[in-house]
Amino acid sequence: MADELELLRGANPVPVDGPHFGEGPLDHRAERRLERLLHEDRRRRRIRLVPPLRGSTPRARLLWGLAATAVVLVIALDAVLGGASTPRAVAAPRPLAVHVPSVPVPLTEMVALADAAASGGSPGLRKGTHVQSWSLSLGDDVPPVTLPEERVVRWRADATHTELVVATDPRRPGRPVLTDEGDAPHLVADGHVISRTTYPPMWSDAPPEATPPHTAAALSAYLTEIARPQTDRGTAPLSTPELFDAVAELLDHWTLGAHESAALVRLFAEAEGLRPAGEVTDRLGRPGRAYVYDSGGVRRMLILEPRTGAVLGMEDTSTKDDPAYGLKAGDVMGYSAWMR
């Protein structure tokens, strides 16, 4: 509904005159094919790229084995919804592009900026999250469906909390959004409420429900418990993919304060293989510093706020073609953009 969407965007509005992401409106051919797709009498089976973990969030740690086979099917959209000369009607967003020219800022410099920003003690840590995310949903013998959603979780003093999920796509403000709510792909209005839930009182002393610490060493142990929930976690430092996954789950539960963000930047500065890429504009039109990690044909991009080091978002893209699966370098596998 429009009212709910207005409340969500009021916290961090996407300007009407902000950058657009290039997909553009559908032509007549694409509209006809989309209409045929949405109304064909087929039995579909939904498969989510990033399934929820421990009943917590729809955006949990990435399943690398599933991702390699799931995301490749996004290319099938061209065959069903448009030909080689037809713009994609329902397709993955384009990968974020680093601005040229821009000067990459080392993470060590971001540590200093984050520490300086935290000296005043604000903003403070808050339980709950506000996140815009995109993921894939796949069906048998049908093309994948994009699922842009915005989710707000707010906690109350009595330990109850609410979760509001709406269908909305920052690439196309005000335009219908394709969703698979109810297991059948269909269009809904921008701001359509997918779910509105109130949960009973909940307490836990285990991450990510437990309060995150604000020192680098303690936060590292906290994130290790998220990444390795088994009893025997070992003493090896978190790998960079483990760090990305654990931080994503943390941010789907908590809105970090200045001190926690500063501690987190220190951990990223110590992560192996994470290198500065330059300046980007994120999915919500915000300026950010990009840092990338390449492994196994996947590039993981971390986007930090330039002055405070707070995490704005993460994005996963393919880095190489795979003719056997039709995978192309640059195909987006998923993203999340967090807001206060």
Protein backbone atom coordinates (compact mmCIF):
# COMPACT_ATOMS: atom_id res chain seq x y z
CA MET A 1 0.00 0.00 0.00
CA ALA A 2 1.14 3.53 -0.70
CA ASP A 3 0.96 4.60 2.96
CA GLU A 4 3.29 1.86 4.12
CA LEU A 5 5.72 2.52 1.30
CA GLU A 6 5.75 6.23 2.09
CA LEU A 7 6.60 5.45 5.72
CA LEU A 8 9.44 3.19 4.63
CA ARG A 9 10.96 5.61 2.19
CA GLY A 10 10.59 8.49 4.62
CA ALA A 11 13.50 7.05 6.59
CA ASN A 12 15.81 7.21 3.58
CA PRO A 13 13.97 8.51 0.51
CA VAL A 14 14.96 7.66 -3.03
CA PRO A 15 14.84 10.97 -4.92
CA VAL A 16 12.61 11.14 -7.94
CA ASP A 17 15.43 12.73 -9.92
CA GLY A 18 18.02 10.26 -8.64
CA PRO A 19 19.96 7.78 -10.82
CA HIS A 20 18.00 5.13 -12.66
CA PHE A 21 19.20 1.70 -13.47
CA GLY A 22 18.64 1.47 -17.18
CA GLU A 23 16.06 -1.27 -17.66
CA GLY A 24 13.38 1.09 -18.97
CA PRO A 25 9.73 0.31 -19.79
CA LEU A 26 8.66 -2.84 -21.60
CA ASP A 27 8.03 -2.73 -25.30
CA HIS A 28 4.87 -4.30 -26.77
CA ARG A 29 6.54 -7.60 -27.53
CA ALA A 30 7.93 -7.95 -24.02
CA GLU A 31 4.56 -7.03 -22.48
CA ARG A 32 2.80 -9.73 -24.49
CA ARG A 33 5.34 -12.34 -23.48
CA LEU A 34 5.18 -11.30 -19.82
CA GLU A 35 1.39 -11.53 -19.93
CA ARG A 36 1.63 -15.03 -21.39
CA LEU A 37 4.15 -16.06 -18.76
CA LEU A 38 2.04 -14.83 -15.86
CA HIS A 39 -1.13 -16.54 -17.03
CA GLU A 40 0.10 -19.87 -18.36
CA ASP A 41 -1.48 -22.76 -16.51
CA ARG A 42 1.69 -24.40 -15.22
CA ARG A 43 2.58 -25.96 -11.94
CA ARG A 44 5.45 -24.04 -10.44
CA ARG A 45 7.83 -24.93 -7.66
CA ARG A 46 9.46 -22.03 -5.86
CA ILE A 47 13.13 -22.18 -4.97
CA ARG A 48 14.68 -19.26 -3.08
CA LEU A 49 18.32 -18.42 -3.74
CA VAL A 50 18.91 -17.38 -0.15
CA PRO A 51 16.67 -19.35 2.24
CA PRO A 52 16.01 -18.11 5.79
CA LEU A 53 18.19 -19.46 8.57
CA ARG A 54 16.93 -20.42 12.03
CA GLY A 55 13.61 -18.74 11.29
CA SER A 56 15.27 -15.33 11.33
CA THR A 57 15.49 -13.43 8.05
CA PRO A 58 14.79 -13.90 4.35
CA ARG A 59 18.34 -12.75 3.63
CA ALA A 60 20.71 -15.19 5.38
CA ARG A 61 24.07 -16.59 4.42
CA LEU A 62 24.60 -17.33 0.74
CA LEU A 63 24.49 -20.95 -0.37
CA TRP A 64 27.38 -21.06 -2.80
CA GLY A 65 26.56 -24.46 -4.27
CA LEU A 66 22.96 -23.45 -4.99
CA ALA A 67 23.97 -20.06 -6.32
CA ALA A 68 26.10 -21.55 -9.10
CA THR A 69 23.13 -23.45 -10.50
CA ALA A 70 20.33 -21.02 -9.60
CA VAL A 71 21.56 -17.72 -10.93
CA VAL A 72 22.60 -19.06 -14.31
CA LEU A 73 18.96 -19.48 -15.26
CA VAL A 74 18.42 -15.73 -15.27
CA ILE A 75 19.61 -15.70 -18.89
CA ALA A 76 16.48 -17.67 -19.83
CA LEU A 77 14.54 -14.44 -19.38
CA ASP A 78 15.74 -13.21 -22.76
CA ALA A 79 14.38 -16.29 -24.50
CA VAL A 80 10.93 -16.13 -22.87
CA LEU A 81 10.37 -12.44 -22.31
CA GLY A 82 12.27 -10.99 -25.23
CA GLY A 83 14.68 -11.73 -28.04
CA ALA A 84 18.22 -10.54 -28.60
CA SER A 85 17.05 -7.06 -29.63
CA THR A 86 14.41 -6.75 -26.90
CA PRO A 87 15.13 -5.18 -23.49
CA ARG A 88 14.71 -7.61 -20.63
CA ALA A 89 11.22 -7.36 -19.21
CA VAL A 90 11.89 -9.07 -15.90
CA ALA A 91 15.58 -9.35 -15.28
CA ALA A 92 18.25 -9.09 -12.64
CA PRO A 93 19.44 -5.54 -11.96
CA ARG A 94 22.63 -4.40 -13.57
CA PRO A 95 25.74 -4.62 -11.39
CA LEU A 96 26.80 -1.48 -9.58
CA ALA A 97 29.49 0.36 -11.50
CA VAL A 98 32.50 2.01 -9.92
CA HIS A 99 32.70 5.69 -10.89
CA VAL A 100 35.45 6.68 -13.28
CA PRO A 101 37.55 8.46 -12.32
CA SER A 102 37.55 7.73 -8.59
CA VAL A 103 40.33 7.13 -6.11
CA PRO A 104 40.09 3.87 -4.11
CA VAL A 105 40.37 4.48 -0.36
CA PRO A 106 42.20 1.74 1.59
CA LEU A 107 40.30 0.15 4.43
CA THR A 108 42.98 1.32 6.84
CA GLU A 109 41.91 4.89 6.07
CA MET A 110 38.27 3.93 6.56
CA VAL A 111 39.21 2.61 10.02
CA ALA A 112 40.50 6.06 10.97
CA LEU A 113 37.38 7.75 9.59
CA ALA A 114 35.09 5.32 11.41
CA ASP A 115 36.94 5.81 14.70
CA ALA A 116 36.66 9.58 14.35
CA ALA A 117 32.94 9.32 13.57
CA ALA A 118 32.42 7.12 16.63
CA SER A 119 34.11 9.55 19.01
CA GLY A 120 30.85 11.38 19.55
CA GLY A 121 29.01 8.18 20.43
CA SER A 122 26.14 8.57 17.98
CA PRO A 123 24.20 7.16 16.33
CA GLY A 124 23.49 4.42 18.82
CA LEU A 125 22.89 0.71 18.37
CA ARG A 126 19.28 -0.25 17.69
CA LYS A 127 17.68 -3.68 17.53
CA GLY A 128 15.75 -4.16 14.31
CA THR A 129 16.51 -3.48 10.65
CA HIS A 130 15.36 -1.66 7.54
CA VAL A 131 16.62 -3.34 4.37
CA GLN A 132 15.92 -3.32 0.65
CA SER A 133 16.87 -6.63 -0.96
CA TRP A 134 16.65 -8.49 -4.23
CA SER A 135 16.84 -12.26 -4.79
CA LEU A 136 15.87 -14.91 -7.31
CA SER A 137 12.93 -17.28 -7.28
CA LEU A 138 13.02 -20.17 -9.75
CA GLY A 139 10.36 -22.48 -11.13
CA ASP A 140 10.34 -25.68 -13.17
CA ASP A 141 10.44 -24.93 -16.90
CA VAL A 142 9.81 -21.22 -16.34
CA PRO A 143 12.20 -18.27 -16.16
CA PRO A 144 13.35 -16.94 -12.80
CA VAL A 145 11.38 -14.20 -11.11
CA THR A 146 12.92 -11.14 -9.52
CA LEU A 147 11.82 -10.42 -5.98
CA PRO A 148 12.59 -6.86 -4.89
CA GLU A 149 11.38 -6.36 -1.33
CA GLU A 150 11.73 -3.89 1.50
CA ARG A 151 11.59 -5.10 5.09
CA VAL A 152 11.32 -3.21 8.37
CA VAL A 153 11.70 -4.95 11.73
CA ARG A 154 11.08 -2.94 14.90
CA TRP A 155 11.39 -4.13 18.50
CA ARG A 156 9.34 -2.89 21.45
CA ALA A 157 10.22 -2.49 25.10
CA ASP A 158 8.21 -5.61 26.02
CA ALA A 159 10.45 -7.77 23.75
CA THR A 160 7.76 -8.17 21.09
CA HIS A 161 8.61 -7.10 17.56
CA THR A 162 6.89 -6.37 14.27
CA GLU A 163 7.94 -7.15 10.72
CA LEU A 164 6.57 -5.37 7.66
CA VAL A 165 7.51 -6.62 4.17
CA VAL A 166 6.45 -4.75 1.04
CA ALA A 167 7.11 -5.32 -2.65
CA THR A 168 8.97 -2.35 -4.06
CA ASP A 169 11.75 -1.81 -6.57
CA PRO A 170 13.98 1.28 -6.31
CA ARG A 171 14.79 0.97 -10.03
CA ARG A 172 11.17 1.70 -10.96
CA PRO A 173 9.48 3.91 -8.33
CA GLY A 174 5.71 3.75 -8.62
CA ARG A 175 5.66 0.93 -11.17
CA PRO A 176 4.25 -2.56 -10.57
CA VAL A 177 6.55 -5.11 -8.97
CA LEU A 178 6.82 -8.75 -9.96
CA THR A 179 6.54 -11.12 -7.02
CA ASP A 180 5.87 -14.81 -6.45
CA GLU A 181 3.75 -14.36 -3.34
CA GLY A 182 1.42 -17.35 -3.31
CA ASP A 183 3.86 -19.36 -5.48
CA ALA A 184 2.53 -17.95 -8.76
CA PRO A 185 4.44 -15.08 -10.42
CA HIS A 186 2.25 -12.01 -10.75
CA LEU A 187 2.40 -8.24 -10.69
CA VAL A 188 1.49 -6.22 -7.60
CA ALA A 189 1.39 -2.50 -6.96
CA ASP A 190 4.50 -0.71 -5.79
CA GLY A 191 4.23 -0.78 -1.99
CA HIS A 192 2.02 -3.90 -1.92
CA VAL A 193 2.16 -5.41 1.58
CA ILE A 194 3.50 -8.95 1.35
CA SER A 195 3.31 -9.59 5.08
CA ARG A 196 2.69 -7.72 8.33
CA THR A 197 3.50 -9.76 11.43
CA THR A 198 3.72 -9.17 15.17
CA TYR A 199 5.83 -11.65 17.12
CA PRO A 200 5.47 -12.54 20.82
CA PRO A 201 8.20 -11.70 23.35
CA MET A 202 11.56 -13.24 22.46
CA TRP A 203 14.85 -13.35 24.34
CA SER A 204 18.13 -14.96 23.36
CA ASP A 205 21.75 -14.74 24.48
CA ALA A 206 23.06 -16.24 21.22
CA PRO A 207 24.07 -14.23 18.14
CA PRO A 208 22.56 -12.68 16.10
CA GLU A 209 19.75 -12.08 18.61
CA ALA A 210 22.22 -11.21 21.39
CA THR A 211 23.46 -7.62 21.58
CA PRO A 212 26.55 -7.20 19.35
CA PRO A 213 29.70 -5.92 21.08
CA HIS A 214 31.52 -2.75 20.06
CA THR A 215 35.16 -3.86 20.14
CA ALA A 216 36.82 -5.61 17.20
CA ALA A 217 37.96 -8.69 19.14
CA ALA A 218 34.59 -9.28 20.79
CA LEU A 219 32.72 -8.61 17.55
CA SER A 220 34.94 -11.13 15.74
CA ALA A 221 33.98 -13.81 18.28
CA TYR A 222 30.32 -12.82 17.94
CA LEU A 223 30.42 -13.13 14.14
CA THR A 224 32.28 -16.43 14.39
CA GLU A 225 29.39 -17.81 16.41
CA ILE A 226 27.00 -16.74 13.65
CA ALA A 227 29.15 -18.20 10.87
CA ARG A 228 29.92 -21.42 12.74
CA PRO A 229 26.96 -22.29 14.96
CA GLN A 230 28.37 -25.71 15.82
CA THR A 231 29.62 -26.41 19.34
CA ASP A 232 33.23 -26.82 18.18
CA ARG A 233 34.00 -23.66 16.23
CA GLY A 234 37.77 -23.93 16.25
CA THR A 235 40.15 -21.00 16.56
CA ALA A 236 40.80 -20.20 12.90
CA PRO A 237 39.97 -16.60 11.93
CA LEU A 238 36.87 -16.05 9.86
CA SER A 239 37.44 -16.37 6.14
CA THR A 240 36.35 -13.39 4.05
CA PRO A 241 33.23 -15.20 2.70
CA GLU A 242 32.32 -16.20 6.27
CA LEU A 243 32.73 -12.59 7.37
CA PHE A 244 30.44 -11.34 4.57
CA ASP A 245 27.77 -13.91 5.41
CA ALA A 246 27.89 -13.31 9.15
CA VAL A 247 27.74 -9.53 8.76
CA ALA A 248 24.73 -9.81 6.43
CA GLU A 249 22.88 -11.86 9.04
CA LEU A 250 23.89 -9.42 11.78
CA LEU A 251 22.56 -6.47 9.79
CA ASP A 252 19.30 -8.28 9.17
CA HIS A 253 18.80 -8.18 12.97
CA TRP A 254 20.49 -4.98 14.15
CA THR A 255 21.05 -1.40 13.01
CA LEU A 256 24.61 -0.79 14.14
CA GLY A 257 25.71 2.26 16.05
CA ALA A 258 28.88 4.25 15.43
CA HIS A 259 31.01 2.16 17.79
CA GLU A 260 29.87 -1.17 16.33
CA SER A 261 30.41 0.10 12.79
CA ALA A 262 33.95 1.20 13.66
CA ALA A 263 34.73 -2.23 15.10
CA LEU A 264 33.32 -3.87 11.99
CA VAL A 265 35.47 -1.75 9.66
CA ARG A 266 38.54 -2.99 11.56
CA LEU A 267 37.51 -6.57 10.86
CA PHE A 268 37.04 -5.83 7.17
CA ALA A 269 40.46 -4.16 7.08
CA GLU A 270 41.97 -7.44 8.31
CA ALA A 271 40.03 -9.61 5.84
CA GLU A 272 42.19 -11.39 3.29
CA GLY A 273 41.67 -10.49 -0.36
CA LEU A 274 39.25 -7.59 0.24
CA ARG A 275 40.50 -4.67 -1.84
CA PRO A 276 39.31 -1.11 -2.52
CA ALA A 277 37.57 -0.52 -5.86
CA GLY A 278 36.50 3.13 -5.81
CA GLU A 279 33.33 5.19 -5.47
CA VAL A 280 29.84 3.87 -6.27
CA THR A 281 26.25 5.03 -6.03
CA ASP A 282 24.28 2.32 -4.26
CA ARG A 283 20.80 0.98 -5.08
CA LEU A 284 19.17 3.75 -3.06
CA GLY A 285 21.13 6.57 -4.67
CA ARG A 286 23.61 6.99 -1.80
CA PRO A 287 27.34 7.64 -2.35
CA GLY A 288 29.59 4.88 -1.06
CA ARG A 289 33.06 3.35 -1.09
CA ALA A 290 33.24 -0.08 -2.74
CA TYR A 291 35.46 -2.97 -1.66
CA VAL A 292 35.49 -6.25 -3.56
CA TYR A 293 36.47 -9.85 -2.95
CA ASP A 294 36.76 -12.39 -5.79
CA SER A 295 36.53 -16.13 -5.27
CA GLY A 296 35.19 -19.09 -7.24
CA GLY A 297 33.76 -17.03 -10.08
CA VAL A 298 31.82 -14.72 -7.72
CA ARG A 299 32.59 -11.11 -6.81
CA ARG A 300 31.31 -9.88 -3.48
CA MET A 301 31.08 -6.12 -3.15
CA LEU A 302 30.95 -4.32 0.19
CA ILE A 303 29.68 -0.72 0.16
CA LEU A 304 30.63 1.58 3.05
CA GLU A 305 29.40 5.06 3.89
CA PRO A 306 32.32 7.35 2.95
CA ARG A 307 32.51 9.35 6.20
CA THR A 308 31.53 6.87 8.91
CA GLY A 309 32.33 3.42 7.51
CA ALA A 310 28.80 2.16 8.17
CA VAL A 311 27.77 -0.71 5.89
CA LEU A 312 25.34 0.51 3.24
CA GLY A 313 25.06 -2.67 1.22
CA MET A 314 26.45 -5.86 -0.27
CA GLU A 315 26.17 -7.24 -3.79
CA ASP A 316 27.15 -10.54 -5.40
CA THR A 317 27.89 -10.89 -9.12
CA SER A 318 29.35 -13.51 -11.43
CA THR A 319 32.87 -12.74 -12.65
CA LYS A 320 33.20 -15.18 -15.55
CA ASP A 321 31.21 -16.73 -18.37
CA ASP A 322 30.17 -20.34 -18.14
CA PRO A 323 28.86 -21.45 -21.57
CA ALA A 324 27.67 -24.76 -20.16
CA TYR A 325 25.10 -22.92 -18.04
CA GLY A 326 24.69 -19.73 -20.05
CA LEU A 327 26.17 -17.70 -17.21
CA LYS A 328 27.65 -14.33 -18.20
CA ALA A 329 30.19 -12.27 -16.33
CA GLY A 330 28.46 -9.41 -14.56
CA ASP A 331 25.15 -11.18 -13.84
CA VAL A 332 23.89 -10.00 -10.45
CA MET A 333 23.19 -12.80 -7.99
CA GLY A 334 21.62 -10.73 -5.24
CA TYR A 335 22.00 -7.60 -3.17
CA SER A 336 20.97 -5.98 0.11
CA ALA A 337 20.89 -2.27 0.97
CA TRP A 338 20.50 -1.39 4.66
CA MET A 339 19.06 1.85 6.03
CA ARG A 340 18.73 3.43 9.44
